[in-house]
Protein backbone atom coordinates (compact mmCIF):
# COMPACT_ATOMS: atom_id res chain seq x y z
CA MET A 1 64.85 -13.31 72.67
CA ALA A 2 61.27 -12.08 72.38
CA ASP A 3 60.27 -9.16 74.59
CA ILE A 4 56.47 -9.27 74.72
CA ARG A 5 55.05 -6.86 77.29
CA ARG A 6 51.89 -5.62 75.55
CA ILE A 7 49.57 -7.89 73.54
CA LEU A 8 46.67 -6.61 71.44
CA CYS A 9 43.88 -9.01 70.46
CA PRO A 10 41.01 -7.67 68.31
CA VAL A 11 37.72 -9.50 69.03
CA ASP A 12 34.52 -9.39 66.99
CA LEU A 13 32.52 -11.65 69.36
CA SER A 14 32.86 -14.65 67.03
CA ALA A 15 34.11 -18.14 67.87
CA ALA A 16 37.19 -17.46 65.73
CA SER A 17 38.18 -14.36 67.69
CA ARG A 18 37.58 -16.22 70.96
CA HIS A 19 40.04 -18.89 69.80
CA ALA A 20 42.56 -16.14 69.01
CA LEU A 21 41.95 -14.67 72.45
CA GLU A 22 42.73 -18.05 74.03
CA HIS A 23 46.15 -17.94 72.37
CA ALA A 24 46.67 -14.34 73.47
CA VAL A 25 45.85 -15.31 77.06
CA ALA A 26 48.35 -18.19 76.98
CA LEU A 27 51.09 -15.91 75.67
CA ALA A 28 50.24 -13.18 78.19
CA ARG A 29 50.60 -15.75 80.96
CA TRP A 30 54.02 -16.92 79.70
CA TYR A 31 55.47 -13.45 79.26
CA GLU A 32 53.50 -11.75 82.08
CA SER A 33 52.19 -9.32 79.48
CA THR A 34 49.47 -6.70 79.51
CA LEU A 35 46.61 -7.99 77.33
CA VAL A 36 44.12 -5.69 75.59
CA ALA A 37 40.95 -7.10 74.02
CA PHE A 38 39.97 -4.58 71.33
CA HIS A 39 36.52 -4.35 69.76
CA VAL A 40 35.56 -2.04 66.88
CA PHE A 41 31.89 -1.22 66.36
CA SER A 42 30.15 0.72 63.60
CA PRO A 43 29.03 4.30 64.22
CA GLN A 44 25.31 5.02 64.72
CA ALA A 45 23.38 4.02 61.61
CA LEU A 46 21.39 6.73 59.79
CA PRO A 47 17.74 6.47 58.70
CA MET A 48 17.28 5.06 55.19
CA ALA A 49 15.37 7.08 52.56
CA THR A 50 12.58 5.29 50.71
CA GLU A 51 11.53 5.68 47.08
CA PHE A 52 8.37 7.47 48.25
CA GLY A 53 10.24 10.27 49.99
CA GLY A 54 9.91 8.93 53.52
CA TYR A 55 12.48 7.38 55.85
CA VAL A 56 12.89 3.97 57.43
CA PRO A 57 14.13 4.32 61.03
CA ALA A 58 17.64 3.05 61.69
CA PRO A 59 17.85 -0.23 63.61
CA PRO A 60 18.42 0.23 67.35
CA GLN A 61 22.08 0.50 68.31
CA LEU A 62 23.72 -0.55 71.55
CA SER A 63 25.33 2.19 73.59
CA GLU A 64 29.09 2.15 74.07
CA GLY A 65 28.55 1.03 77.66
CA GLU A 66 26.36 -1.86 76.53
CA ILE A 67 28.95 -2.88 73.94
CA LEU A 68 31.67 -2.74 76.59
CA GLU A 69 29.66 -5.04 78.83
CA GLU A 70 29.01 -7.44 75.94
CA VAL A 71 32.74 -7.66 75.20
CA ARG A 72 33.43 -8.16 78.92
CA ARG A 73 31.04 -11.13 79.00
CA PHE A 74 32.69 -12.49 75.85
CA THR A 75 36.21 -12.41 77.33
CA GLN A 76 35.36 -13.58 80.84
CA PRO A 77 35.31 -17.36 80.15
CA VAL A 78 38.87 -17.38 78.78
CA ALA A 79 40.52 -14.79 81.02
CA GLY A 80 41.59 -17.19 83.78
CA SER A 81 44.41 -15.71 85.84
CA VAL A 82 45.31 -13.12 83.19
CA PRO A 83 43.75 -9.65 83.60
CA ILE A 84 42.27 -8.38 80.33
CA GLU A 85 41.85 -4.70 79.60
CA ILE A 86 38.90 -4.06 77.29
CA VAL A 87 38.91 -1.20 74.80
CA VAL A 88 36.06 -0.43 72.38
CA ARG A 89 36.08 2.15 69.61
CA ASP A 90 33.83 3.08 66.73
CA GLY A 91 35.19 3.28 63.20
CA HIS A 92 36.71 1.15 60.47
CA PRO A 93 38.30 -2.08 61.82
CA VAL A 94 41.51 -1.90 59.75
CA TYR A 95 42.38 1.68 60.68
CA GLU A 96 41.35 1.30 64.31
CA ILE A 97 43.34 -1.92 64.83
CA ILE A 98 46.47 -0.43 63.27
CA GLY A 99 45.99 2.75 65.28
CA GLN A 100 45.51 0.89 68.56
CA ALA A 101 48.62 -1.24 67.90
CA ALA A 102 50.62 1.98 67.44
CA ARG A 103 49.14 3.75 70.47
CA MET A 104 49.94 0.98 72.97
CA PRO A 105 52.46 0.28 71.33
CA ALA A 106 51.80 -3.45 70.91
CA ASP A 107 54.67 -5.92 71.05
CA LEU A 108 52.39 -8.61 69.59
CA LEU A 109 49.10 -8.55 67.68
CA VAL A 110 46.94 -11.71 67.85
CA MET A 111 44.14 -12.02 65.27
CA GLY A 112 41.66 -14.67 64.22
CA THR A 113 41.24 -15.52 60.55
CA HIS A 114 37.50 -16.12 60.45
CA GLY A 115 34.46 -14.54 62.03
CA ARG A 116 31.67 -12.03 61.61
CA GLY A 117 31.82 -8.38 60.72
CA GLY A 118 35.18 -7.39 59.32
CA PHE A 119 36.68 -10.87 59.59
CA GLU A 120 34.62 -12.74 57.01
CA ARG A 121 35.27 -13.32 53.28
CA LEU A 122 38.10 -15.63 52.31
CA PHE A 123 40.37 -17.64 54.55
CA LEU A 124 42.11 -14.63 56.04
CA GLY A 125 39.33 -12.10 55.60
CA SER A 126 39.70 -8.60 54.23
CA VAL A 127 40.45 -6.95 57.59
CA THR A 128 43.07 -9.47 58.71
CA GLU A 129 44.86 -9.37 55.38
CA LYS A 130 44.92 -5.56 55.20
CA VAL A 131 46.13 -5.26 58.78
CA LEU A 132 48.91 -7.78 58.10
CA ARG A 133 50.15 -5.67 55.19
CA LYS A 134 50.33 -2.46 57.22
CA VAL A 135 50.99 -3.25 60.87
CA VAL A 136 54.63 -3.19 61.96
CA CYS A 137 54.55 -5.31 65.13
CA PRO A 138 54.83 -9.12 65.14
CA THR A 139 51.44 -10.65 64.32
CA LEU A 140 50.04 -14.06 65.25
CA THR A 141 47.19 -15.18 62.99
CA VAL A 142 45.09 -17.98 64.46
CA PRO A 143 42.87 -20.15 62.23
CA PRO A 144 39.55 -21.31 63.67
CA ASN A 145 39.40 -24.54 65.65
CA GLU A 146 36.27 -24.77 67.74
CA ASN A 147 37.21 -28.23 69.04
CA VAL A 148 40.14 -26.99 71.13
CA PRO A 149 39.29 -26.43 74.83
CA THR A 150 40.16 -23.09 76.38
CA ASP A 151 42.89 -24.55 78.59
CA ALA A 152 44.46 -26.67 75.84
CA VAL A 153 46.37 -23.98 73.91
CA SER A 154 49.95 -25.17 73.60
CA PHE A 155 52.90 -25.03 71.24
CA LYS A 156 54.65 -28.39 71.50
CA MET A 157 56.07 -28.36 67.98
CA ILE A 158 57.31 -25.11 66.42
CA LEU A 159 58.43 -24.76 62.80
CA CYS A 160 60.64 -21.83 61.81
CA PRO A 161 61.41 -21.43 58.08
CA VAL A 162 64.68 -19.58 57.54
CA ASP A 163 65.97 -18.11 54.28
CA PHE A 164 68.94 -16.38 56.01
CA SER A 165 67.44 -12.91 55.50
CA PRO A 166 67.25 -10.48 58.47
CA PRO A 167 63.47 -11.02 58.90
CA SER A 168 63.86 -14.79 59.08
CA THR A 169 66.75 -14.63 61.56
CA ARG A 170 64.62 -12.34 63.73
CA ALA A 171 61.82 -14.88 63.44
CA LEU A 172 64.22 -17.53 64.71
CA GLU A 173 64.81 -15.47 67.86
CA TYR A 174 61.07 -15.53 68.56
CA ALA A 175 60.82 -19.23 67.72
CA LEU A 176 63.58 -19.99 70.22
CA SER A 177 61.89 -17.84 72.86
CA PHE A 178 58.51 -19.53 72.33
CA ALA A 179 60.16 -22.96 72.39
CA ARG A 180 61.74 -22.14 75.73
CA GLU A 181 58.51 -20.83 77.28
CA ALA A 182 56.44 -23.76 75.97
CA ASP A 183 59.12 -26.44 76.38
CA ALA A 184 58.53 -27.24 72.72
CA ARG A 185 60.39 -29.03 69.97
CA LEU A 186 61.84 -26.69 67.37
CA MET A 187 62.40 -27.49 63.70
CA VAL A 188 64.42 -24.96 61.70
CA LEU A 189 63.69 -25.37 58.00
CA HIS A 190 65.43 -24.07 54.90
CA VAL A 191 63.90 -24.70 51.48
CA LEU A 192 66.29 -24.75 48.54
CA GLU A 193 64.91 -23.72 45.18
CA SER A 194 65.79 -26.01 42.28
CA TYR A 195 69.46 -25.47 41.38
CA VAL A 196 68.48 -24.98 37.72
CA ASP A 197 66.68 -21.81 38.82
CA ALA A 198 69.64 -20.64 40.88
CA VAL A 199 72.72 -21.19 38.72
CA LYS A 200 73.78 -22.10 35.22
CA LEU A 201 74.79 -25.69 34.65
CA SER A 202 78.14 -24.53 33.31
CA GLU A 203 78.99 -23.04 36.68
CA VAL A 204 78.67 -26.39 38.43
CA SER A 205 80.13 -28.64 35.76
CA GLN A 206 82.79 -29.90 38.20
CA PHE A 207 80.00 -31.63 40.17
CA THR A 208 77.52 -34.29 39.29
CA VAL A 209 73.95 -33.27 39.95
CA PRO A 210 73.62 -35.44 43.12
CA GLU A 211 76.98 -34.16 44.41
CA PHE A 212 75.99 -30.57 43.84
CA GLU A 213 72.61 -31.03 45.53
CA GLN A 214 74.24 -32.66 48.54
CA GLN A 215 76.83 -29.89 48.76
CA ARG A 216 74.08 -27.26 48.78
CA LYS A 217 72.20 -29.10 51.52
CA ASP A 218 75.34 -29.58 53.62
CA ASP A 219 76.19 -25.88 53.34
CA ALA A 220 72.65 -24.87 54.31
CA ILE A 221 72.65 -27.23 57.31
CA GLU A 222 75.88 -25.67 58.58
CA ARG A 223 74.46 -22.17 58.15
CA LEU A 224 71.32 -23.16 60.09
CA LYS A 225 73.41 -24.64 62.91
CA ALA A 226 75.46 -21.46 63.10
CA LEU A 227 72.30 -19.42 63.71
CA ILE A 228 71.43 -21.31 66.92
CA PRO A 229 73.09 -19.66 69.96
CA ALA A 230 75.24 -22.05 71.98
CA ASP A 231 73.31 -21.41 75.20
CA ALA A 232 70.03 -22.28 73.45
CA ARG A 233 71.28 -25.83 72.91
CA GLU A 234 71.44 -26.26 76.68
CA TRP A 235 67.63 -26.23 76.97
CA CYS A 236 66.55 -26.98 73.39
CA THR A 237 67.48 -29.56 70.78
CA PRO A 238 66.61 -27.88 67.49
CA GLU A 239 66.27 -30.03 64.40
CA GLU A 240 67.82 -28.50 61.28
CA VAL A 241 66.11 -29.60 58.06
CA VAL A 242 66.95 -28.70 54.46
CA ILE A 243 64.74 -29.74 51.54
CA THR A 244 64.26 -28.72 47.90
CA GLY A 245 61.07 -27.32 46.42
CA LYS A 246 58.79 -24.29 46.38
CA PRO A 247 59.13 -22.60 49.78
CA HIS A 248 55.47 -21.98 50.63
CA ARG A 249 54.39 -25.46 49.55
CA GLU A 250 57.15 -27.18 51.48
CA ILE A 251 56.58 -25.06 54.60
CA VAL A 252 52.91 -26.05 54.69
CA ARG A 253 53.68 -29.70 53.90
CA VAL A 254 56.39 -30.03 56.55
CA ALA A 255 54.23 -28.25 59.12
CA GLY A 256 51.43 -30.74 58.49
CA GLU A 257 53.63 -33.82 58.53
CA ALA A 258 55.51 -32.71 61.66
CA GLY A 259 52.32 -31.78 63.48
CA ALA A 260 53.45 -28.19 63.99
CA ASP A 261 51.41 -26.15 66.48
CA LEU A 262 53.00 -22.90 65.32
CA ILE A 263 54.88 -21.54 62.30
CA VAL A 264 57.19 -18.56 62.91
CA MET A 265 58.42 -16.78 59.79
CA GLY A 266 59.85 -13.46 58.69
CA VAL A 267 58.28 -11.10 56.18
CA HIS A 268 60.51 -9.06 53.91
CA GLY A 269 60.34 -5.24 53.87
CA ARG A 270 57.37 -3.14 52.83
CA GLY A 271 56.29 -1.45 49.64
CA ALA A 272 56.12 -2.94 46.16
CA VAL A 273 58.59 -5.73 46.89
CA ASP A 274 56.73 -6.65 50.06
CA LEU A 275 53.44 -6.94 48.18
CA MET A 276 55.03 -9.40 45.80
CA VAL A 277 56.83 -11.45 48.48
CA PHE A 278 53.93 -11.34 50.91
CA GLY A 279 51.48 -12.43 48.25
CA SER A 280 53.59 -15.21 46.80
CA ALA A 281 55.05 -16.76 49.95
CA THR A 282 53.92 -15.59 53.38
CA ASN A 283 50.33 -15.05 52.32
CA GLU A 284 50.21 -18.54 50.76
CA VAL A 285 51.41 -20.07 54.03
CA LEU A 286 48.87 -18.05 56.01
CA ARG A 287 46.04 -19.19 53.78
CA ALA A 288 47.01 -22.85 53.72
CA ALA A 289 48.40 -23.52 57.21
CA SER A 290 46.12 -25.28 59.66
CA CYS A 291 48.07 -23.98 62.68
CA PRO A 292 48.73 -20.41 63.93
CA VAL A 293 51.39 -18.43 62.04
CA LEU A 294 53.54 -15.74 63.61
CA THR A 295 54.91 -13.24 61.08
CA LEU A 296 57.65 -10.70 61.80
CA ARG A 297 59.08 -7.81 59.84
CA THR A 298 62.45 -6.18 60.31
């Protein structure tokens, strides 16, 4: 099961990072975790040279103490009964977030996917996407939803895609743990690629196409059931689902149709293969999902 003792939540004082902080607070309450709100600010700006040889004074900068107080005011409305430690540092957001996650070390990183400063640009934002590629701890990315009240963060329906790889089986452990803490429904999903892509027709000539498809689904269902610990079925009734299609498209579709509040999925190793897998599958889910997504590496 998940062991979450230290949670790191970068905040950039935007509504999106506040929404991420709300999720971090809820998780810290469940797991009785230490929660660190982390803010990265730019170093002191330098005067700008003009074309006439003079200088334009740099805009006034807040002191570190003033920034600390601003972040404290930002976190106060969502803290509730969970104590929040505030840390501020100057530097580049990507490097500082990764460094802080290593120093704690963080058991969970919670990040928003929109906001000001380093969190703008596309759906994920350049900082979030770069951190996701490099950080080693489990990471929860939270899309913006300004209509959700602070005390309404909940995971009542959790979707866990499983491809039977070590990262996805580890993700299932976290999905089960979250389902227990939140008293949530759990759907365990396996997406079969088209059999034409997987095998040659000559190798399955003893089956008709419908028979072969059904056999594949039956086998996958049994493998999914075998992954659920017996004791977990005493407090949870997981639903095992097997469908055919492109994994990232089906994950997003099923999550939407099932009303998932959270997707928990594994990310394959790092390096060149990771860049390909992350870009083609996990990253597509992160960009398209309307609910938070928890990603885990081995």
